Amino acid sequence: MTTVDHPGTWTGPRVQGDLPGPHSARFLARQQQSESNARAYPRRLPIALAEGSGSFVTDVDGNVFIDFLTGAGVLSLGHNHPELVRAVTKQLGRLTHGLDFPTPAKDAFTEAQLSMLPPGMRDRMKVHFCGPTGANAVEAALKLCKTATGRGDIVSFQGGFHGSSHAAMALTGLVSQKQPVANGMPGVHFFPYSYCSRCPVGLSPDTCATNCVTLLENALNDANGGIPLPAAVVLEMVQGEGGIVPARPDFVRRVRELTRALDIPLVVDEVQTGCGRTGTWFAFEQYGIEPDVIIASKALSGIGTPVALILYDRRLDTWAPGAHSGTFRGNQLAFAAGVEAIRVIHRDDVLGNVAARGAQIADRLAVLTRLPWVREIRGRGLMWGIELADPGTGRPAGSLAAAVQAHALRQGLIVELGGRDDGVVRMLPPLNVTAEVVDTACTILLAAVEESCRALSAPAQPAEGR
């Protein structure tokens, strides 16, 4: 069956007047008055959402936008996919909350998730259901590995993002997020990630023997390296919030070889890359490795109903009953939607669509490399970033990226920022997005980047004389 975005109300973007519109402005003002100062998305995307359908959302002023943020990646089949809506509605009349009791919905969801693993892993992995967020699954993975190994230290990587809870934040490289919070979790050691366009040891792929892994190998194998044997190494295959930075295959394989040789559990954080985002169900499949622990959340339900879990090697299952619990780990609506999402993904060859649309995006955006302010365009599947940087200094151009985002929004395209100083414009389209919608979005984004760069390079106009 040909993959298409499910039929919806809208076929293209339509924005009239200034943003925010008058109705959105009132909602935003009420939000500012009543909600926490930590709110984030509406600051750069000043709209109040009203409805969603497929790849589109409308705001309360009637403006229509292509949504290439998709709930930070949770809406893998777009907004309100009708078959997922029916599955949730049917389950709603049966059972909505089940703690960790077995239920038909949970049993079917568990089997569906295990079936998506590579064949060699299915029989040796177990599932633990966590609280509803990816950060809670990160916390569970750390507790599991510390319990199983009896060790306490953790290795993480520069540029990574693992969540905003206390331990997950400790693994996150973004210093500005951690500065206001004293006494973070001790025992976390950061090592360079294979971010070749900003090589942490000043090399290029032509002159590098993956020296960033060599630093980790030397530190863990050296009796004077200063780092105890850790309980886990936590790694993203593609750093999402870090700016859509795919790890190099040799980097990942050597990390896996090192952790296996030293009997250190390798934890892969697939919260953003999982559930088909990069073209395979999990991104690690593209690297030819098998991790010990997989962290998954975001798109597990396909429709935004929250669920998070870890899949892990049975040998690590040394937990006592109740060792990691959570009141909302039995979301029956998410389970029902997740089973239906996998059925639709198989039936409609959604992963094939991810590959095709990813190639389409790469082809359309390639022309931007001629612009001096565009440092790199990179991505996997339907996870793409345009890194913008000062051509003279190489410093991330966060203000330029914000201008691109604002320009795109005025033309009806929602994109997000990330990376160092928010200098990367990011796209996370629905996995079933059509070629036509991708083409329209890329046209808007190309114009936004080109016009924003041109405005930045335009000479200042002399002030008028008195």
Protein backbone atom coordinates (compact mmCIF):
# COMPACT_ATOMS: atom_id res chain seq x y z
CA MET A 1 0.00 0.00 0.00
CA THR A 2 1.36 3.43 -0.89
CA THR A 3 2.21 5.44 2.18
CA VAL A 4 0.33 8.70 2.45
CA ASP A 5 -0.44 11.06 5.24
CA HIS A 6 -3.93 10.27 6.44
CA PRO A 7 -6.63 12.41 4.82
CA GLY A 8 -7.28 15.56 6.75
CA THR A 9 -8.95 18.93 6.62
CA TRP A 10 -5.99 20.89 5.26
CA THR A 11 -3.74 20.46 2.23
CA GLY A 12 -1.32 23.35 2.67
CA PRO A 13 -0.25 26.16 5.00
CA ARG A 14 -2.17 29.41 5.23
CA VAL A 15 -1.12 32.32 7.46
CA GLN A 16 -2.94 35.64 7.38
CA GLY A 17 -1.87 38.71 9.31
CA ASP A 18 0.75 39.09 12.00
CA LEU A 19 1.81 36.41 14.47
CA PRO A 20 0.60 36.00 17.07
CA GLY A 21 -2.92 36.70 15.88
CA PRO A 22 -5.29 38.47 18.28
CA HIS A 23 -6.80 35.29 19.74
CA SER A 24 -3.40 33.61 20.15
CA ALA A 25 -2.07 36.77 21.78
CA ARG A 26 -4.79 36.58 24.44
CA PHE A 27 -4.03 32.91 25.17
CA LEU A 28 -0.30 33.62 25.35
CA ALA A 29 -0.88 36.51 27.76
CA ARG A 30 -3.02 34.29 29.99
CA GLN A 31 -0.33 31.61 29.86
CA GLN A 32 2.36 34.09 30.85
CA GLN A 33 0.27 35.19 33.79
CA SER A 34 -0.57 31.73 35.12
CA GLU A 35 2.09 29.24 33.97
CA SER A 36 5.63 28.58 35.06
CA ASN A 37 8.45 30.70 33.70
CA ALA A 38 9.99 27.44 32.47
CA ARG A 39 7.59 27.22 29.52
CA ALA A 40 9.60 27.11 26.33
CA TYR A 41 8.04 26.43 22.92
CA PRO A 42 5.55 29.35 22.79
CA ARG A 43 8.36 31.84 23.37
CA ARG A 44 9.80 31.26 19.89
CA LEU A 45 6.64 29.89 18.29
CA PRO A 46 4.02 32.41 19.47
CA ILE A 47 0.79 30.63 18.58
CA ALA A 48 -2.03 28.97 20.52
CA LEU A 49 -2.98 25.63 18.99
CA ALA A 50 -6.59 24.71 18.25
CA GLU A 51 -6.67 21.57 16.08
CA GLY A 52 -4.39 19.09 14.36
CA SER A 53 -4.80 16.70 11.45
CA GLY A 54 -2.03 14.71 9.82
CA SER A 55 0.96 16.97 9.13
CA PHE A 56 -0.98 20.17 9.90
CA VAL A 57 -2.12 22.21 12.87
CA THR A 58 -4.26 25.31 13.13
CA ASP A 59 -4.04 28.04 15.69
CA VAL A 60 -6.99 29.73 17.39
CA ASP A 61 -6.88 32.50 14.74
CA GLY A 62 -7.47 30.03 11.91
CA ASN A 63 -3.91 30.01 10.58
CA VAL A 64 -2.75 26.65 9.19
CA PHE A 65 0.83 25.40 9.66
CA ILE A 66 2.83 22.41 8.47
CA ASP A 67 3.96 20.85 11.74
CA PHE A 68 7.55 19.60 11.49
CA LEU A 69 7.92 19.61 15.28
CA THR A 70 5.15 16.99 15.85
CA GLY A 71 5.12 17.26 19.63
CA ALA A 72 8.94 17.00 19.76
CA GLY A 73 8.69 13.78 17.78
CA VAL A 74 5.93 11.97 19.64
CA LEU A 75 3.36 12.12 16.82
CA SER A 76 4.99 9.59 14.54
CA LEU A 77 1.85 9.20 12.40
CA GLY A 78 0.85 12.84 12.61
CA HIS A 79 -2.02 14.45 14.46
CA ASN A 80 -5.13 12.39 15.16
CA HIS A 81 -4.48 9.47 12.86
CA PRO A 82 -8.02 8.05 12.49
CA GLU A 83 -7.09 4.41 13.09
CA LEU A 84 -5.14 5.29 16.22
CA VAL A 85 -8.01 7.48 17.39
CA ARG A 86 -10.39 4.53 16.97
CA ALA A 87 -8.05 2.24 18.92
CA VAL A 88 -7.81 4.74 21.79
CA THR A 89 -11.56 5.38 21.78
CA LYS A 90 -12.31 1.65 21.92
CA GLN A 91 -9.87 1.14 24.79
CA LEU A 92 -11.28 4.18 26.60
CA GLY A 93 -14.51 2.31 27.23
CA ARG A 94 -12.72 -0.75 28.63
CA LEU A 95 -9.81 0.20 30.90
CA THR A 96 -7.61 3.28 31.02
CA HIS A 97 -5.20 2.71 33.92
CA GLY A 98 -3.75 -0.56 35.11
CA LEU A 99 -0.61 0.06 37.19
CA ASP A 100 1.64 -2.91 36.38
CA PHE A 101 -1.10 -5.53 36.26
CA PRO A 102 -1.14 -7.64 33.09
CA THR A 103 -3.92 -6.65 30.71
CA PRO A 104 -4.78 -7.66 27.14
CA ALA A 105 -3.72 -4.23 25.88
CA LYS A 106 -0.42 -4.32 27.74
CA ASP A 107 0.33 -7.89 26.69
CA ALA A 108 -0.28 -7.05 23.02
CA PHE A 109 1.87 -3.91 23.32
CA THR A 110 4.72 -5.84 24.95
CA GLU A 111 4.67 -8.47 22.24
CA ALA A 112 4.54 -5.82 19.54
CA GLN A 113 7.57 -3.98 20.97
CA LEU A 114 9.64 -7.15 21.33
CA SER A 115 8.73 -8.14 17.77
CA MET A 116 10.33 -4.95 16.47
CA LEU A 117 13.75 -5.86 17.87
CA PRO A 118 16.36 -7.50 15.61
CA PRO A 119 15.76 -11.29 15.61
CA GLY A 120 18.86 -12.06 17.64
CA MET A 121 17.70 -9.86 20.52
CA ARG A 122 14.03 -10.75 20.87
CA ASP A 123 14.41 -13.79 23.10
CA ARG A 124 16.95 -12.32 25.49
CA MET A 125 15.39 -8.94 26.21
CA LYS A 126 12.91 -8.02 28.93
CA VAL A 127 10.68 -4.97 29.21
CA HIS A 128 10.25 -2.64 32.17
CA PHE A 129 7.49 -0.04 32.06
CA CYS A 130 8.48 3.27 33.60
CA GLY A 131 6.75 6.52 34.39
CA PRO A 132 5.34 8.34 31.37
CA THR A 133 8.44 10.30 30.31
CA GLY A 134 11.71 9.49 28.62
CA ALA A 135 13.58 11.02 31.55
CA ASN A 136 12.01 8.46 33.89
CA ALA A 137 13.17 5.67 31.58
CA VAL A 138 16.69 7.14 31.74
CA GLU A 139 16.49 7.06 35.53
CA ALA A 140 15.29 3.45 35.40
CA ALA A 141 18.16 2.44 33.12
CA LEU A 142 20.71 3.95 35.50
CA LYS A 143 19.17 2.21 38.52
CA LEU A 144 19.08 -1.09 36.64
CA CYS A 145 22.76 -0.92 35.64
CA LYS A 146 23.94 0.26 39.05
CA THR A 147 21.99 -2.52 40.73
CA ALA A 148 23.20 -5.21 38.35
CA THR A 149 26.89 -4.20 38.39
CA GLY A 150 27.24 -2.92 41.93
CA ARG A 151 29.10 0.06 40.48
CA GLY A 152 28.16 3.73 40.62
CA ASP A 153 29.87 5.86 37.97
CA ILE A 154 28.39 6.62 34.53
CA VAL A 155 30.03 7.63 31.24
CA SER A 156 28.11 10.05 29.06
CA PHE A 157 29.04 12.11 26.00
CA GLN A 158 29.48 15.81 25.32
CA GLY A 159 26.54 17.29 23.44
CA GLY A 160 24.09 14.67 24.65
CA PHE A 161 20.64 15.34 26.08
CA HIS A 162 18.85 12.81 28.27
CA GLY A 163 16.13 14.77 30.07
CA SER A 164 15.44 17.32 32.78
CA SER A 165 14.98 15.13 35.85
CA HIS A 166 17.84 15.13 38.35
CA ALA A 167 19.86 12.13 37.17
CA ALA A 168 18.97 12.57 33.49
CA MET A 169 20.08 16.18 33.68
CA ALA A 170 23.39 15.06 35.18
CA LEU A 171 24.05 13.03 32.01
CA THR A 172 23.21 15.99 29.78
CA GLY A 173 26.02 18.04 28.31
CA LEU A 174 24.12 21.34 28.28
CA VAL A 175 25.80 23.22 31.11
CA SER A 176 23.39 26.17 31.11
CA GLN A 177 20.53 23.81 32.00
CA LYS A 178 22.43 22.47 35.01
CA GLN A 179 23.97 25.67 36.38
CA PRO A 180 21.01 26.79 38.54
CA VAL A 181 20.72 23.34 40.19
CA ALA A 182 23.36 22.63 42.81
CA ASN A 183 24.55 19.18 43.91
CA GLY A 184 23.88 17.27 40.73
CA MET A 185 24.29 13.50 40.64
CA PRO A 186 27.99 12.74 41.19
CA GLY A 187 30.06 10.21 39.30
CA VAL A 188 29.24 11.26 35.71
CA HIS A 189 32.18 11.47 33.31
CA PHE A 190 31.85 13.20 29.93
CA PHE A 191 33.81 12.15 26.87
CA PRO A 192 33.92 13.53 23.32
CA TYR A 193 31.25 12.49 20.84
CA SER A 194 32.00 12.01 17.14
CA TYR A 195 30.87 15.48 16.10
CA CYS A 196 33.32 15.76 13.23
CA SER A 197 32.41 19.24 12.02
CA ARG A 198 33.28 20.47 15.52
CA CYS A 199 35.96 17.93 16.36
CA PRO A 200 36.77 18.07 20.09
CA VAL A 201 40.42 17.16 19.41
CA GLY A 202 40.89 19.40 16.37
CA LEU A 203 41.07 16.73 13.68
CA SER A 204 39.16 15.99 10.49
CA PRO A 205 37.83 12.64 9.21
CA ASP A 206 40.85 12.49 6.87
CA THR A 207 43.33 12.68 9.74
CA CYS A 208 41.40 10.99 12.52
CA ALA A 209 41.48 7.39 13.67
CA THR A 210 38.36 8.03 15.77
CA ASN A 211 40.56 9.57 18.44
CA CYS A 212 37.50 10.52 20.50
CA VAL A 213 36.98 6.83 21.29
CA THR A 214 40.70 6.42 21.93
CA LEU A 215 40.38 8.92 24.79
CA LEU A 216 37.66 6.78 26.35
CA GLU A 217 39.58 3.55 25.76
CA ASN A 218 42.72 4.96 27.38
CA ALA A 219 40.83 6.38 30.36
CA LEU A 220 39.02 3.12 31.14
CA ASN A 221 41.99 0.82 30.48
CA ASP A 222 44.58 2.93 32.30
CA ALA A 223 45.04 2.12 35.98
CA ASN A 224 45.93 5.80 36.41
CA GLY A 225 43.06 7.03 34.23
CA GLY A 226 41.20 8.36 37.24
CA ILE A 227 37.83 6.79 36.41
CA PRO A 228 36.46 3.74 38.20
CA LEU A 229 34.94 1.06 36.04
CA PRO A 230 31.48 2.53 35.37
CA ALA A 231 28.07 0.98 35.82
CA ALA A 232 27.06 2.03 32.31
CA VAL A 233 27.99 3.95 29.20
CA VAL A 234 25.02 5.98 27.90
CA LEU A 235 25.01 6.92 24.22
CA GLU A 236 22.73 8.46 21.58
CA MET A 237 23.09 7.16 18.04
CA VAL A 238 21.99 10.59 16.81
CA GLN A 239 22.21 13.50 19.21
CA GLY A 240 18.81 15.11 18.76
CA GLU A 241 18.69 18.12 21.07
CA GLY A 242 22.44 18.35 20.51
CA GLY A 243 21.78 19.43 16.92
CA ILE A 244 20.95 16.28 14.88
CA VAL A 245 24.47 14.86 15.01
CA PRO A 246 24.68 11.24 13.82
CA ALA A 247 27.49 9.24 15.37
CA ARG A 248 30.06 7.84 12.95
CA PRO A 249 29.77 4.04 12.56
CA ASP A 250 33.35 3.35 13.66
CA PHE A 251 32.81 5.42 16.80
CA VAL A 252 29.74 3.41 17.81
CA ARG A 253 31.31 0.04 17.02
CA ARG A 254 34.43 0.79 19.04
CA VAL A 255 32.37 1.97 22.02
CA ARG A 256 30.43 -1.30 21.84
CA GLU A 257 33.64 -3.36 21.62
CA LEU A 258 35.14 -1.52 24.60
CA THR A 259 32.06 -1.87 26.80
CA ARG A 260 31.74 -5.55 25.95
CA ALA A 261 35.43 -6.22 26.68
CA LEU A 262 35.16 -4.50 30.08
CA ASP A 263 31.68 -5.91 30.88
CA ILE A 264 30.10 -2.46 31.05
CA PRO A 265 26.41 -2.30 30.07
CA LEU A 266 25.93 -0.13 26.97
CA VAL A 267 22.74 1.92 27.22
CA VAL A 268 21.42 3.49 24.02
CA ASP A 269 19.04 6.40 24.45
CA GLU A 270 16.50 6.01 21.64
CA VAL A 271 13.89 8.35 23.10
CA GLN A 272 14.00 10.58 20.02
CA THR A 273 15.53 8.23 17.44
CA GLY A 274 13.35 5.20 18.20
CA CYS A 275 10.09 3.96 16.67
CA GLY A 276 11.24 4.44 13.08
CA ARG A 277 12.46 8.04 13.20
CA THR A 278 15.77 7.30 11.46
CA GLY A 279 14.46 4.69 9.00
CA THR A 280 14.89 1.57 11.13
CA TRP A 281 12.82 0.88 14.21
CA PHE A 282 15.82 1.69 16.37
CA ALA A 283 18.77 3.72 15.15
CA PHE A 284 21.33 1.29 16.61
CA GLU A 285 20.30 -1.24 13.94
CA GLN A 286 22.08 0.92 11.35
CA TYR A 287 25.35 0.57 13.25
CA GLY A 288 25.54 -3.21 13.42
CA ILE A 289 25.57 -3.39 17.22
CA GLU A 290 23.41 -4.89 19.95
CA PRO A 291 23.15 -2.78 23.13
CA ASP A 292 22.46 -4.10 26.60
CA VAL A 293 19.74 -1.54 27.42
CA ILE A 294 17.43 0.46 25.14
CA ILE A 295 15.57 3.54 26.39
CA ALA A 296 12.38 4.36 24.48
CA SER A 297 9.49 6.77 24.92
CA LYS A 298 8.23 9.67 22.73
CA ALA A 299 6.66 7.88 19.72
CA LEU A 300 5.81 4.53 21.32
CA SER A 301 2.07 5.23 21.15
CA GLY A 302 2.25 7.07 17.84
CA ILE A 303 -0.41 9.54 18.90
CA GLY A 304 1.09 11.35 21.89
CA THR A 305 -0.43 9.36 24.74
CA PRO A 306 2.56 8.99 27.09
CA VAL A 307 4.45 5.76 27.73
CA ALA A 308 8.11 5.03 28.42
CA LEU A 309 10.05 1.81 28.83
CA ILE A 310 13.43 0.18 28.85
CA LEU A 311 14.28 -3.05 27.07
CA TYR A 312 17.26 -4.82 28.57
CA ASP A 313 19.28 -8.01 28.58
CA ARG A 314 17.87 -10.61 30.98
CA ARG A 315 21.22 -10.98 32.71
CA LEU A 316 20.75 -7.47 34.17
CA ASP A 317 17.39 -8.29 35.77
CA THR A 318 18.56 -8.36 39.39
CA TRP A 319 15.92 -5.92 40.66
CA ALA A 320 13.83 -6.70 43.71
CA PRO A 321 10.04 -6.31 43.39
CA GLY A 322 9.12 -2.62 43.41
CA ALA A 323 12.71 -1.49 42.76
CA HIS A 324 11.50 0.98 40.15
CA SER A 325 7.83 1.86 40.09
CA GLY A 326 5.58 4.64 38.85
CA THR A 327 1.88 5.28 39.18
CA PHE A 328 1.34 6.01 35.49
CA ARG A 329 3.28 3.11 33.99
CA GLY A 330 0.08 1.31 33.02
CA ASN A 331 -1.37 3.68 30.39
CA GLN A 332 -3.79 1.38 28.56
CA LEU A 333 -4.64 4.05 25.98
CA ALA A 334 -1.01 4.33 24.98
CA PHE A 335 -0.71 0.54 24.75
CA ALA A 336 -3.74 0.25 22.47
CA ALA A 337 -2.53 3.08 20.24
CA GLY A 338 1.00 1.67 20.11
CA VAL A 339 -0.16 -1.72 18.87
CA GLU A 340 -2.24 -0.07 16.17
CA ALA A 341 0.65 2.23 15.21
CA ILE A 342 2.93 -0.74 14.57
CA ARG A 343 0.23 -2.43 12.50
CA VAL A 344 -0.16 0.70 10.35
CA ILE A 345 3.62 1.11 10.05
CA HIS A 346 3.94 -2.44 8.72
CA ARG A 347 0.91 -2.23 6.43
CA ASP A 348 1.78 1.13 4.88
CA ASP A 349 5.56 0.60 4.65
CA VAL A 350 6.07 3.71 6.75
CA LEU A 351 9.78 2.96 7.22
CA GLY A 352 10.13 2.90 3.44
CA ASN A 353 8.49 6.31 3.37
CA VAL A 354 10.94 7.56 5.99
CA ALA A 355 13.85 6.57 3.75
CA ALA A 356 12.29 8.11 0.65
CA ARG A 357 11.29 11.38 2.28
CA GLY A 358 14.67 11.62 4.02
CA ALA A 359 16.40 11.35 0.65
CA GLN A 360 14.01 14.00 -0.70
CA ILE A 361 14.90 16.39 2.13
CA ALA A 362 18.63 15.81 1.63
CA ASP A 363 18.28 16.54 -2.08
CA ARG A 364 16.19 19.69 -1.60
CA LEU A 365 18.37 21.17 1.15
CA ALA A 366 21.71 20.44 -0.52
CA VAL A 367 21.62 23.78 -2.35
CA LEU A 368 22.04 25.57 0.99
CA THR A 369 25.65 24.42 1.31
CA ARG A 370 26.65 27.26 -1.04
CA LEU A 371 25.71 29.79 1.65
CA PRO A 372 28.67 30.82 3.85
CA TRP A 373 26.53 30.81 7.01
CA VAL A 374 25.41 27.19 6.48
CA ARG A 375 28.04 25.07 8.16
CA GLU A 376 26.48 21.64 7.67
CA ILE A 377 23.24 19.85 6.72
CA ARG A 378 22.83 16.46 8.32
CA GLY A 379 20.26 13.89 9.29
CA ARG A 380 18.97 10.35 9.27
CA GLY A 381 15.56 9.31 8.03
CA LEU A 382 13.15 12.07 9.05
CA MET A 383 15.39 13.75 11.60
CA TRP A 384 17.21 16.71 10.00
CA GLY A 385 19.22 19.73 11.04
CA ILE A 386 20.75 22.76 9.33
CA GLU A 387 23.69 24.06 11.35
CA LEU A 388 24.26 27.80 11.02
CA ALA A 389 27.55 29.40 12.07
CA ASP A 390 29.59 32.55 11.58
CA PRO A 391 31.75 31.87 8.51
CA GLY A 392 34.63 33.80 10.02
CA THR A 393 34.76 32.48 13.56
CA GLY A 394 32.80 29.22 13.30
CA ARG A 395 30.72 30.24 16.31
CA PRO A 396 27.13 28.95 16.30
CA ALA A 397 24.71 31.52 14.87
CA GLY A 398 21.81 31.19 17.27
CA SER A 399 20.27 34.55 16.37
CA LEU A 400 20.30 33.61 12.68
CA ALA A 401 18.66 30.26 13.43
CA ALA A 402 15.96 32.08 15.43
CA ALA A 403 15.38 34.40 12.46
CA VAL A 404 15.01 31.38 10.16
CA GLN A 405 12.52 29.78 12.55
CA ALA A 406 10.47 32.98 12.78
CA HIS A 407 10.49 33.49 9.00
CA ALA A 408 9.39 29.89 8.42
CA LEU A 409 6.56 30.26 10.94
CA ARG A 410 5.23 33.36 9.17
CA GLN A 411 5.10 31.28 5.97
CA GLY A 412 3.31 28.41 7.69
CA LEU A 413 6.05 25.97 8.75
CA ILE A 414 6.83 24.98 12.34
CA VAL A 415 10.44 23.92 12.95
CA GLU A 416 12.54 23.72 16.11
CA LEU A 417 16.04 24.79 17.14
CA GLY A 418 18.79 22.88 18.93
CA GLY A 419 22.52 22.32 19.16
CA ARG A 420 25.17 24.66 20.53
CA ASP A 421 23.61 28.07 21.25
CA ASP A 422 20.47 26.86 19.44
CA GLY A 423 22.30 27.31 16.15
CA VAL A 424 20.72 24.31 14.39
CA VAL A 425 17.32 24.48 12.68
CA ARG A 426 15.69 21.06 13.23
CA MET A 427 12.88 19.15 11.53
CA LEU A 428 10.96 16.16 12.90
CA PRO A 429 8.16 15.52 10.36
CA PRO A 430 5.54 12.80 10.78
CA LEU A 431 6.89 9.51 9.49
CA ASN A 432 4.00 9.18 7.04
CA VAL A 433 4.37 12.68 5.61
CA THR A 434 3.77 12.89 1.87
CA ALA A 435 6.23 13.98 -0.80
CA GLU A 436 3.99 16.97 -1.56
CA VAL A 437 4.05 18.25 2.03
CA VAL A 438 7.82 17.73 2.26
CA ASP A 439 8.27 19.66 -0.97
CA THR A 440 6.20 22.58 0.32
CA ALA A 441 8.01 22.60 3.65
CA CYS A 442 11.44 22.52 2.01
CA THR A 443 10.49 25.40 -0.28
CA ILE A 444 9.50 27.47 2.76
CA LEU A 445 12.63 26.52 4.67
CA LEU A 446 14.97 27.23 1.76
CA ALA A 447 13.50 30.71 1.39
CA ALA A 448 13.69 31.28 5.16
CA VAL A 449 17.38 30.40 5.31
CA GLU A 450 18.31 32.30 2.16
CA GLU A 451 16.43 35.46 3.11
CA SER A 452 17.67 35.41 6.71
CA CYS A 453 21.27 34.99 5.54
CA ARG A 454 20.83 37.75 2.98
CA ALA A 455 19.43 40.12 5.62
CA LEU A 456 22.39 39.32 7.87
CA SER A 457 24.89 40.08 5.09
CA ALA A 458 23.21 43.26 3.83
CA PRO A 459 25.25 46.39 4.48
CA ALA A 460 23.91 48.72 7.14
CA GLN A 461 22.00 51.68 5.76
CA PRO A 462 23.50 55.08 6.64
CA ALA A 463 21.48 57.15 9.05
CA GLU A 464 19.59 60.04 7.50
CA GLY A 465 21.07 63.48 8.11
CA ARG A 466 19.21 65.97 10.21
